[in-house]
Amino acid sequence: MISLLLNADEFLAAGRIAELKAAMGEPEFAGLNTVELVGTQTDPASVFSEANAMPFLASRRLVIVYGMLDHLEKRMAASKSTGSAAHADAARLLAGLSIVPESCDLLLVDNSVDKHRALWKGFTIEGADGQPDRKVAGLEALVKAGTVQLEKLKAPDGKALPAWLQARARSKGIAIDGGAVALLAENVGPNLRQLDNELEKLSLYALGRSITVQDVREIVTDASEEKIWNLTDGLCQRNAGTAM
């Protein structure tokens, strides 16, 4: 399986990565078959070397690569022709994704890929020394073909946030009143990690009973009020940077 987490919410992405790691089985063997690479410090050859390695005393390997696509796209944009080393690396990466073995789960985690540029749309490498030009299918084609699974992990918007929060509480075995859910979502906003942390604090405060509106008022800082205070303080100090 090859998955792409593109511009995913940080909290949801962390949860997905934890889920994949947990699926690897016993920690002592999972660690031997899990590799995490930083895209700015590696290349396609290293990625596929890890992906093609045989699992050790297990049925699968997990390879996670952070930021490679974004870094590669910037290199391609800075190059003067499609004959550059950056385009060659991109071609190797895109071609290699089609032949990752079934025994490997490869996860690409990136903040952004411009869907109007070559890495997504595909490109043509100019032939050298009389060789014909070579067309390279981009990520878009690989996603459409099902070779790469594009996972969309976006934070819910304001209207959907209470439902997400209620479901999160239920998954953790935490009881919370509907009014408390609405107030907590309003106070914190779409910061899912902070919402999760506040939910844990409220659960400890409630000592097993259902979390109430009053609990939220006593424990949780209103993010909107904090922004207003920061704005006021900044203006009073004639500090435009703080006010913004």
C-alpha atoms as a PDB file:
ATOM      1  CA  MET A   1       0.000   0.000   0.000  1.00  0.00           C
ATOM      2  CA  ILE A   2       1.251   3.463  -0.913  1.00  0.00           C
ATOM      3  CA  SER A   3      -0.482   6.376   0.787  1.00  0.00           C
ATOM      4  CA  LEU A   4      -0.073  10.130   0.479  1.00  0.00           C
ATOM      5  CA  LEU A   5      -0.989  12.426   3.352  1.00  0.00           C
ATOM      6  CA  LEU A   6      -1.123  15.817   1.673  1.00  0.00           C
ATOM      7  CA  ASN A   7      -1.687  18.998   3.687  1.00  0.00           C
ATOM      8  CA  ALA A   8      -3.259  16.903   6.428  1.00  0.00           C
ATOM      9  CA  ASP A   9      -4.261  18.246   9.819  1.00  0.00           C
ATOM     10  CA  GLU A  10      -1.283  17.711  12.136  1.00  0.00           C
ATOM     11  CA  PHE A  11      -3.283  15.939  14.843  1.00  0.00           C
ATOM     12  CA  LEU A  12      -5.122  13.660  12.423  1.00  0.00           C
ATOM     13  CA  ALA A  13      -1.891  12.859  10.568  1.00  0.00           C
ATOM     14  CA  ALA A  14      -0.189  11.906  13.834  1.00  0.00           C
ATOM     15  CA  GLY A  15      -3.123   9.647  14.637  1.00  0.00           C
ATOM     16  CA  ARG A  16      -2.956   7.959  11.234  1.00  0.00           C
ATOM     17  CA  ILE A  17       0.777   7.359  11.602  1.00  0.00           C
ATOM     18  CA  ALA A  18       0.253   5.914  15.090  1.00  0.00           C
ATOM     19  CA  GLU A  19      -2.452   3.644  13.660  1.00  0.00           C
ATOM     20  CA  LEU A  20      -0.121   2.313  10.967  1.00  0.00           C
ATOM     21  CA  LYS A  21       2.640   1.715  13.510  1.00  0.00           C
ATOM     22  CA  ALA A  22       0.256  -0.112  15.845  1.00  0.00           C
ATOM     23  CA  ALA A  23      -0.833  -2.354  12.966  1.00  0.00           C
ATOM     24  CA  MET A  24       2.756  -3.573  12.660  1.00  0.00           C
ATOM     25  CA  GLY A  25       2.239  -5.837  15.671  1.00  0.00           C
ATOM     26  CA  GLU A  26       4.518  -6.478  18.637  1.00  0.00           C
ATOM     27  CA  PRO A  27       6.705  -3.412  19.362  1.00  0.00           C
ATOM     28  CA  GLU A  28       9.981  -5.365  19.483  1.00  0.00           C
ATOM     29  CA  PHE A  29       9.468  -6.581  15.910  1.00  0.00           C
ATOM     30  CA  ALA A  30       7.581  -3.521  14.665  1.00  0.00           C
ATOM     31  CA  GLY A  31      10.576  -1.315  15.437  1.00  0.00           C
ATOM     32  CA  LEU A  32      12.800  -3.504  13.300  1.00  0.00           C
ATOM     33  CA  ASN A  33      10.454  -3.125  10.344  1.00  0.00           C
ATOM     34  CA  THR A  34       9.560   0.567  10.646  1.00  0.00           C
ATOM     35  CA  VAL A  35      11.707   3.245   9.012  1.00  0.00           C
ATOM     36  CA  GLU A  36      11.144   7.014   9.100  1.00  0.00           C
ATOM     37  CA  LEU A  37      13.018   9.224   6.638  1.00  0.00           C
ATOM     38  CA  VAL A  38      13.314  13.000   6.287  1.00  0.00           C
ATOM     39  CA  GLY A  39      12.805  14.021   2.671  1.00  0.00           C
ATOM     40  CA  THR A  40      15.434  16.756   2.696  1.00  0.00           C
ATOM     41  CA  GLN A  41      18.053  14.243   3.849  1.00  0.00           C
ATOM     42  CA  THR A  42      17.322  11.305   1.577  1.00  0.00           C
ATOM     43  CA  ASP A  43      16.761  10.403  -2.079  1.00  0.00           C
ATOM     44  CA  PRO A  44      14.482   8.065  -4.052  1.00  0.00           C
ATOM     45  CA  ALA A  45      17.129   5.333  -4.163  1.00  0.00           C
ATOM     46  CA  SER A  46      17.294   5.234  -0.357  1.00  0.00           C
ATOM     47  CA  VAL A  47      13.506   5.222  -0.065  1.00  0.00           C
ATOM     48  CA  PHE A  48      13.125   2.255  -2.396  1.00  0.00           C
ATOM     49  CA  SER A  49      16.051   0.444  -0.819  1.00  0.00           C
ATOM     50  CA  GLU A  50      14.125   0.513   2.459  1.00  0.00           C
ATOM     51  CA  ALA A  51      10.813  -0.309   0.784  1.00  0.00           C
ATOM     52  CA  ASN A  52      12.244  -3.309  -1.071  1.00  0.00           C
ATOM     53  CA  ALA A  53      13.987  -4.803   1.959  1.00  0.00           C
ATOM     54  CA  MET A  54      12.522  -8.057   3.259  1.00  0.00           C
ATOM     55  CA  PRO A  55      10.541  -7.771   6.512  1.00  0.00           C
ATOM     56  CA  PHE A  56      12.408  -9.203   9.506  1.00  0.00           C
ATOM     57  CA  LEU A  57      10.403 -11.868  11.375  1.00  0.00           C
ATOM     58  CA  ALA A  58       7.205 -10.191  10.188  1.00  0.00           C
ATOM     59  CA  SER A  59       4.965 -10.015   7.137  1.00  0.00           C
ATOM     60  CA  ARG A  60       5.257  -6.280   6.438  1.00  0.00           C
ATOM     61  CA  ARG A  61       7.505  -3.224   6.546  1.00  0.00           C
ATOM     62  CA  LEU A  62       6.439   0.370   7.129  1.00  0.00           C
ATOM     63  CA  VAL A  63       8.385   3.205   5.502  1.00  0.00           C
ATOM     64  CA  ILE A  64       7.362   6.793   6.288  1.00  0.00           C
ATOM     65  CA  VAL A  65       8.891   9.698   4.350  1.00  0.00           C
ATOM     66  CA  TYR A  66       8.371  13.266   5.549  1.00  0.00           C
ATOM     67  CA  GLY A  67       8.578  16.253   3.200  1.00  0.00           C
ATOM     68  CA  MET A  68      10.213  14.628   0.189  1.00  0.00           C
ATOM     69  CA  LEU A  69       7.648  15.779  -2.372  1.00  0.00           C
ATOM     70  CA  ASP A  70       7.709  19.393  -1.222  1.00  0.00           C
ATOM     71  CA  HIS A  71      11.517  19.428  -1.263  1.00  0.00           C
ATOM     72  CA  LEU A  72      11.629  17.766  -4.671  1.00  0.00           C
ATOM     73  CA  GLU A  73       9.096  20.182  -6.126  1.00  0.00           C
ATOM     74  CA  LYS A  74      11.171  23.166  -4.972  1.00  0.00           C
ATOM     75  CA  ARG A  75      14.283  21.681  -6.559  1.00  0.00           C
ATOM     76  CA  MET A  76      12.414  21.125  -9.823  1.00  0.00           C
ATOM     77  CA  ALA A  77      11.082  24.686  -9.829  1.00  0.00           C
ATOM     78  CA  ALA A  78      14.596  26.057  -9.323  1.00  0.00           C
ATOM     79  CA  SER A  79      16.105  24.006 -12.156  1.00  0.00           C
ATOM     80  CA  LYS A  80      16.545  25.404 -15.650  1.00  0.00           C
ATOM     81  CA  SER A  81      15.496  22.355 -17.658  1.00  0.00           C
ATOM     82  CA  THR A  82      13.823  18.976 -17.393  1.00  0.00           C
ATOM     83  CA  GLY A  83      17.248  17.450 -17.811  1.00  0.00           C
ATOM     84  CA  SER A  84      18.181  18.512 -14.278  1.00  0.00           C
ATOM     85  CA  ALA A  85      19.118  16.210 -11.404  1.00  0.00           C
ATOM     86  CA  ALA A  86      15.885  17.242  -9.681  1.00  0.00           C
ATOM     87  CA  HIS A  87      13.766  16.036 -12.596  1.00  0.00           C
ATOM     88  CA  ALA A  88      15.775  12.813 -12.751  1.00  0.00           C
ATOM     89  CA  ASP A  89      15.089  12.215  -9.039  1.00  0.00           C
ATOM     90  CA  ALA A  90      11.406  12.964  -9.580  1.00  0.00           C
ATOM     91  CA  ALA A  91      11.264  10.484 -12.461  1.00  0.00           C
ATOM     92  CA  ARG A  92      12.924   7.798 -10.315  1.00  0.00           C
ATOM     93  CA  LEU A  93      10.503   8.411  -7.464  1.00  0.00           C
ATOM     94  CA  LEU A  94       7.381   8.382  -9.632  1.00  0.00           C
ATOM     95  CA  ALA A  95       8.463   5.271 -11.537  1.00  0.00           C
ATOM     96  CA  GLY A  96       9.451   3.465  -8.357  1.00  0.00           C
ATOM     97  CA  LEU A  97       6.076   3.997  -6.728  1.00  0.00           C
ATOM     98  CA  SER A  98       4.540   1.619  -9.247  1.00  0.00           C
ATOM     99  CA  ILE A  99       6.749  -1.289  -8.198  1.00  0.00           C
ATOM    100  CA  VAL A 100       6.809  -1.064  -4.396  1.00  0.00           C
ATOM    101  CA  PRO A 101       6.345  -4.638  -3.126  1.00  0.00           C
ATOM    102  CA  GLU A 102       3.112  -5.740  -1.448  1.00  0.00           C
ATOM    103  CA  SER A 103       5.074  -6.405   1.738  1.00  0.00           C
ATOM    104  CA  CYS A 104       5.707  -2.673   2.254  1.00  0.00           C
ATOM    105  CA  ASP A 105       3.389   0.086   3.395  1.00  0.00           C
ATOM    106  CA  LEU A 106       4.903   3.333   2.102  1.00  0.00           C
ATOM    107  CA  LEU A 107       3.529   6.574   3.524  1.00  0.00           C
ATOM    108  CA  LEU A 108       4.473   9.958   2.029  1.00  0.00           C
ATOM    109  CA  VAL A 109       3.710  12.869   4.359  1.00  0.00           C
ATOM    110  CA  ASP A 110       3.872  16.366   2.854  1.00  0.00           C
ATOM    111  CA  ASN A 111       2.490  19.802   3.627  1.00  0.00           C
ATOM    112  CA  SER A 112       1.882  20.719   0.021  1.00  0.00           C
ATOM    113  CA  VAL A 113       2.273  19.786  -3.622  1.00  0.00           C
ATOM    114  CA  ASP A 114       1.230  22.307  -6.255  1.00  0.00           C
ATOM    115  CA  LYS A 115      -1.376  20.548  -8.392  1.00  0.00           C
ATOM    116  CA  HIS A 116      -0.540  22.817 -11.325  1.00  0.00           C
ATOM    117  CA  ARG A 117       3.136  21.867 -11.452  1.00  0.00           C
ATOM    118  CA  ALA A 118       5.120  19.046 -12.992  1.00  0.00           C
ATOM    119  CA  LEU A 119       5.393  16.724  -9.989  1.00  0.00           C
ATOM    120  CA  TRP A 120       1.609  16.430  -9.869  1.00  0.00           C
ATOM    121  CA  LYS A 121       0.710  16.813 -13.557  1.00  0.00           C
ATOM    122  CA  GLY A 122       3.652  14.936 -15.060  1.00  0.00           C
ATOM    123  CA  PHE A 123       6.428  16.147 -17.339  1.00  0.00           C
ATOM    124  CA  THR A 124       8.634  15.262 -20.281  1.00  0.00           C
ATOM    125  CA  ILE A 125      12.376  14.707 -19.946  1.00  0.00           C
ATOM    126  CA  GLU A 126      14.247  15.899 -22.993  1.00  0.00           C
ATOM    127  CA  GLY A 127      16.247  13.182 -24.695  1.00  0.00           C
ATOM    128  CA  ALA A 128      20.020  13.624 -24.755  1.00  0.00           C
ATOM    129  CA  ASP A 129      22.446  12.563 -27.497  1.00  0.00           C
ATOM    130  CA  GLY A 130      19.699  11.796 -29.977  1.00  0.00           C
ATOM    131  CA  GLN A 131      17.600   9.803 -27.530  1.00  0.00           C
ATOM    132  CA  PRO A 132      13.806  10.341 -27.698  1.00  0.00           C
ATOM    133  CA  ASP A 133      12.010  12.448 -25.134  1.00  0.00           C
ATOM    134  CA  ARG A 134      10.542  10.514 -22.209  1.00  0.00           C
ATOM    135  CA  LYS A 135       7.146  11.231 -20.677  1.00  0.00           C
ATOM    136  CA  VAL A 136       6.846  10.817 -16.910  1.00  0.00           C
ATOM    137  CA  ALA A 137       3.431  10.298 -15.324  1.00  0.00           C
ATOM    138  CA  GLY A 138       2.858  12.588 -12.347  1.00  0.00           C
ATOM    139  CA  LEU A 139       1.264  11.942  -8.980  1.00  0.00           C
ATOM    140  CA  GLU A 140      -2.157  12.786 -10.400  1.00  0.00           C
ATOM    141  CA  ALA A 141      -2.001   9.827 -12.786  1.00  0.00           C
ATOM    142  CA  LEU A 142      -0.771   7.504 -10.030  1.00  0.00           C
ATOM    143  CA  VAL A 143      -3.644   8.542  -7.766  1.00  0.00           C
ATOM    144  CA  LYS A 144      -6.200   8.070 -10.550  1.00  0.00           C
ATOM    145  CA  ALA A 145      -4.766   4.633 -11.324  1.00  0.00           C
ATOM    146  CA  GLY A 146      -5.032   3.628  -7.674  1.00  0.00           C
ATOM    147  CA  THR A 147      -1.285   3.140  -7.338  1.00  0.00           C
ATOM    148  CA  VAL A 148      -1.166   5.875  -4.690  1.00  0.00           C
ATOM    149  CA  GLN A 149      -3.974   6.373  -2.181  1.00  0.00           C
ATOM    150  CA  LEU A 150      -4.558  10.066  -1.441  1.00  0.00           C
ATOM    151  CA  GLU A 151      -5.772  10.330   2.156  1.00  0.00           C
ATOM    152  CA  LYS A 152      -7.595  13.561   2.987  1.00  0.00           C
ATOM    153  CA  LEU A 153      -7.322  14.297   6.687  1.00  0.00           C
ATOM    154  CA  LYS A 154      -8.717  17.789   7.126  1.00  0.00           C
ATOM    155  CA  ALA A 155      -9.814  19.341  10.401  1.00  0.00           C
ATOM    156  CA  PRO A 156     -13.622  19.617  10.501  1.00  0.00           C
ATOM    157  CA  ASP A 157     -15.067  23.082   9.950  1.00  0.00           C
ATOM    158  CA  GLY A 158     -16.982  24.989  12.612  1.00  0.00           C
ATOM    159  CA  LYS A 159     -20.317  23.285  11.977  1.00  0.00           C
ATOM    160  CA  ALA A 160     -18.841  19.788  11.996  1.00  0.00           C
ATOM    161  CA  LEU A 161     -16.505  20.376  14.947  1.00  0.00           C
ATOM    162  CA  PRO A 162     -18.988  19.493  17.745  1.00  0.00           C
ATOM    163  CA  ALA A 163     -19.791  16.157  16.087  1.00  0.00           C
ATOM    164  CA  TRP A 164     -16.072  15.366  15.785  1.00  0.00           C
ATOM    165  CA  LEU A 165     -15.543  16.300  19.430  1.00  0.00           C
ATOM    166  CA  GLN A 166     -18.460  14.160  20.586  1.00  0.00           C
ATOM    167  CA  ALA A 167     -17.143  11.200  18.593  1.00  0.00           C
ATOM    168  CA  ARG A 168     -13.658  11.742  20.012  1.00  0.00           C
ATOM    169  CA  ALA A 169     -15.023  11.753  23.559  1.00  0.00           C
ATOM    170  CA  ARG A 170     -16.999   8.579  22.869  1.00  0.00           C
ATOM    171  CA  SER A 171     -13.912   6.808  21.508  1.00  0.00           C
ATOM    172  CA  LYS A 172     -12.067   7.627  24.741  1.00  0.00           C
ATOM    173  CA  GLY A 173     -14.954   6.567  26.975  1.00  0.00           C
ATOM    174  CA  ILE A 174     -15.557  10.142  28.159  1.00  0.00           C
ATOM    175  CA  ALA A 175     -19.110  11.316  28.873  1.00  0.00           C
ATOM    176  CA  ILE A 176     -19.854  14.943  27.976  1.00  0.00           C
ATOM    177  CA  ASP A 177     -23.088  16.916  27.758  1.00  0.00           C
ATOM    178  CA  GLY A 178     -24.175  18.369  24.416  1.00  0.00           C
ATOM    179  CA  GLY A 179     -23.954  21.930  25.703  1.00  0.00           C
ATOM    180  CA  ALA A 180     -20.434  21.304  26.986  1.00  0.00           C
ATOM    181  CA  VAL A 181     -19.427  19.962  23.571  1.00  0.00           C
ATOM    182  CA  ALA A 182     -20.743  23.089  21.846  1.00  0.00           C
ATOM    183  CA  LEU A 183     -19.037  25.454  24.302  1.00  0.00           C
ATOM    184  CA  LEU A 184     -15.722  23.597  24.171  1.00  0.00           C
ATOM    185  CA  ALA A 185     -15.733  23.665  20.364  1.00  0.00           C
ATOM    186  CA  GLU A 186     -16.574  27.377  20.408  1.00  0.00           C
ATOM    187  CA  ASN A 187     -13.897  28.246  22.971  1.00  0.00           C
ATOM    188  CA  VAL A 188     -11.026  26.292  21.425  1.00  0.00           C
ATOM    189  CA  GLY A 189     -11.863  26.309  17.708  1.00  0.00           C
ATOM    190  CA  PRO A 190     -10.508  23.840  15.119  1.00  0.00           C
ATOM    191  CA  ASN A 191      -7.253  23.071  16.950  1.00  0.00           C
ATOM    192  CA  LEU A 192      -7.803  19.322  17.266  1.00  0.00           C
ATOM    193  CA  ARG A 193      -4.767  18.647  19.430  1.00  0.00           C
ATOM    194  CA  GLN A 194      -5.785  21.317  21.923  1.00  0.00           C
ATOM    195  CA  LEU A 195      -9.368  20.037  21.885  1.00  0.00           C
ATOM    196  CA  ASP A 196      -8.118  16.553  22.683  1.00  0.00           C
ATOM    197  CA  ASN A 197      -5.938  17.871  25.513  1.00  0.00           C
ATOM    198  CA  GLU A 198      -8.809  19.908  26.967  1.00  0.00           C
ATOM    199  CA  LEU A 199     -11.053  16.854  26.784  1.00  0.00           C
ATOM    200  CA  GLU A 200      -8.536  14.878  28.831  1.00  0.00           C
ATOM    201  CA  LYS A 201      -8.262  17.654  31.434  1.00  0.00           C
ATOM    202  CA  LEU A 202     -12.027  17.943  31.716  1.00  0.00           C
ATOM    203  CA  SER A 203     -12.340  14.185  32.127  1.00  0.00           C
ATOM    204  CA  LEU A 204      -9.923  14.232  35.055  1.00  0.00           C
ATOM    205  CA  TYR A 205     -11.760  17.198  36.559  1.00  0.00           C
ATOM    206  CA  ALA A 206     -15.177  15.528  36.223  1.00  0.00           C
ATOM    207  CA  LEU A 207     -13.991  12.341  37.980  1.00  0.00           C
ATOM    208  CA  GLY A 208     -16.156   9.946  36.009  1.00  0.00           C
ATOM    209  CA  ARG A 209     -19.330  11.986  35.710  1.00  0.00           C
ATOM    210  CA  SER A 210     -20.499  13.637  32.509  1.00  0.00           C
ATOM    211  CA  ILE A 211     -18.646  16.856  31.675  1.00  0.00           C
ATOM    212  CA  THR A 212     -20.911  19.891  31.970  1.00  0.00           C
ATOM    213  CA  VAL A 213     -21.018  23.424  30.589  1.00  0.00           C
ATOM    214  CA  GLN A 214     -19.905  24.688  34.003  1.00  0.00           C
ATOM    215  CA  ASP A 215     -16.844  22.417  33.894  1.00  0.00           C
ATOM    216  CA  VAL A 216     -15.842  23.900  30.546  1.00  0.00           C
ATOM    217  CA  ARG A 217     -16.291  27.437  31.883  1.00  0.00           C
ATOM    218  CA  GLU A 218     -14.109  26.690  34.899  1.00  0.00           C
ATOM    219  CA  ILE A 219     -11.320  24.780  33.155  1.00  0.00           C
ATOM    220  CA  VAL A 220     -11.019  25.888  29.528  1.00  0.00           C
ATOM    221  CA  THR A 221      -9.617  29.222  28.387  1.00  0.00           C
ATOM    222  CA  ASP A 222     -11.666  30.913  25.675  1.00  0.00           C
ATOM    223  CA  ALA A 223      -9.305  31.225  22.702  1.00  0.00           C
ATOM    224  CA  SER A 224     -11.317  34.104  21.229  1.00  0.00           C
ATOM    225  CA  GLU A 225     -10.993  36.090  24.459  1.00  0.00           C
ATOM    226  CA  GLU A 226      -7.260  35.389  24.521  1.00  0.00           C
ATOM    227  CA  LYS A 227      -6.937  36.797  20.995  1.00  0.00           C
ATOM    228  CA  ILE A 228      -8.835  39.919  22.028  1.00  0.00           C
ATOM    229  CA  TRP A 229      -6.539  40.422  25.030  1.00  0.00           C
ATOM    230  CA  ASN A 230      -3.465  39.959  22.832  1.00  0.00           C
ATOM    231  CA  LEU A 231      -4.840  42.546  20.410  1.00  0.00           C
ATOM    232  CA  THR A 232      -5.588  44.996  23.222  1.00  0.00           C
ATOM    233  CA  ASP A 233      -2.188  44.517  24.854  1.00  0.00           C
ATOM    234  CA  GLY A 234      -0.448  44.934  21.522  1.00  0.00           C
ATOM    235  CA  LEU A 235      -2.265  48.175  20.746  1.00  0.00           C
ATOM    236  CA  CYS A 236      -1.602  49.531  24.227  1.00  0.00           C
ATOM    237  CA  GLN A 237       2.090  48.812  23.798  1.00  0.00           C
ATOM    238  CA  ARG A 238       2.017  50.142  20.203  1.00  0.00           C
ATOM    239  CA  ASN A 239       3.247  46.708  19.176  1.00  0.00           C
ATOM    240  CA  ALA A 240       1.681  45.989  15.793  1.00  0.00           C
ATOM    241  CA  GLY A 241       3.382  42.587  15.584  1.00  0.00           C
ATOM    242  CA  THR A 242       1.739  41.392  18.775  1.00  0.00           C
ATOM    243  CA  ALA A 243      -1.612  42.922  17.816  1.00  0.00           C
ATOM    244  CA  MET A 244      -1.657  41.054  14.534  1.00  0.00           C
END
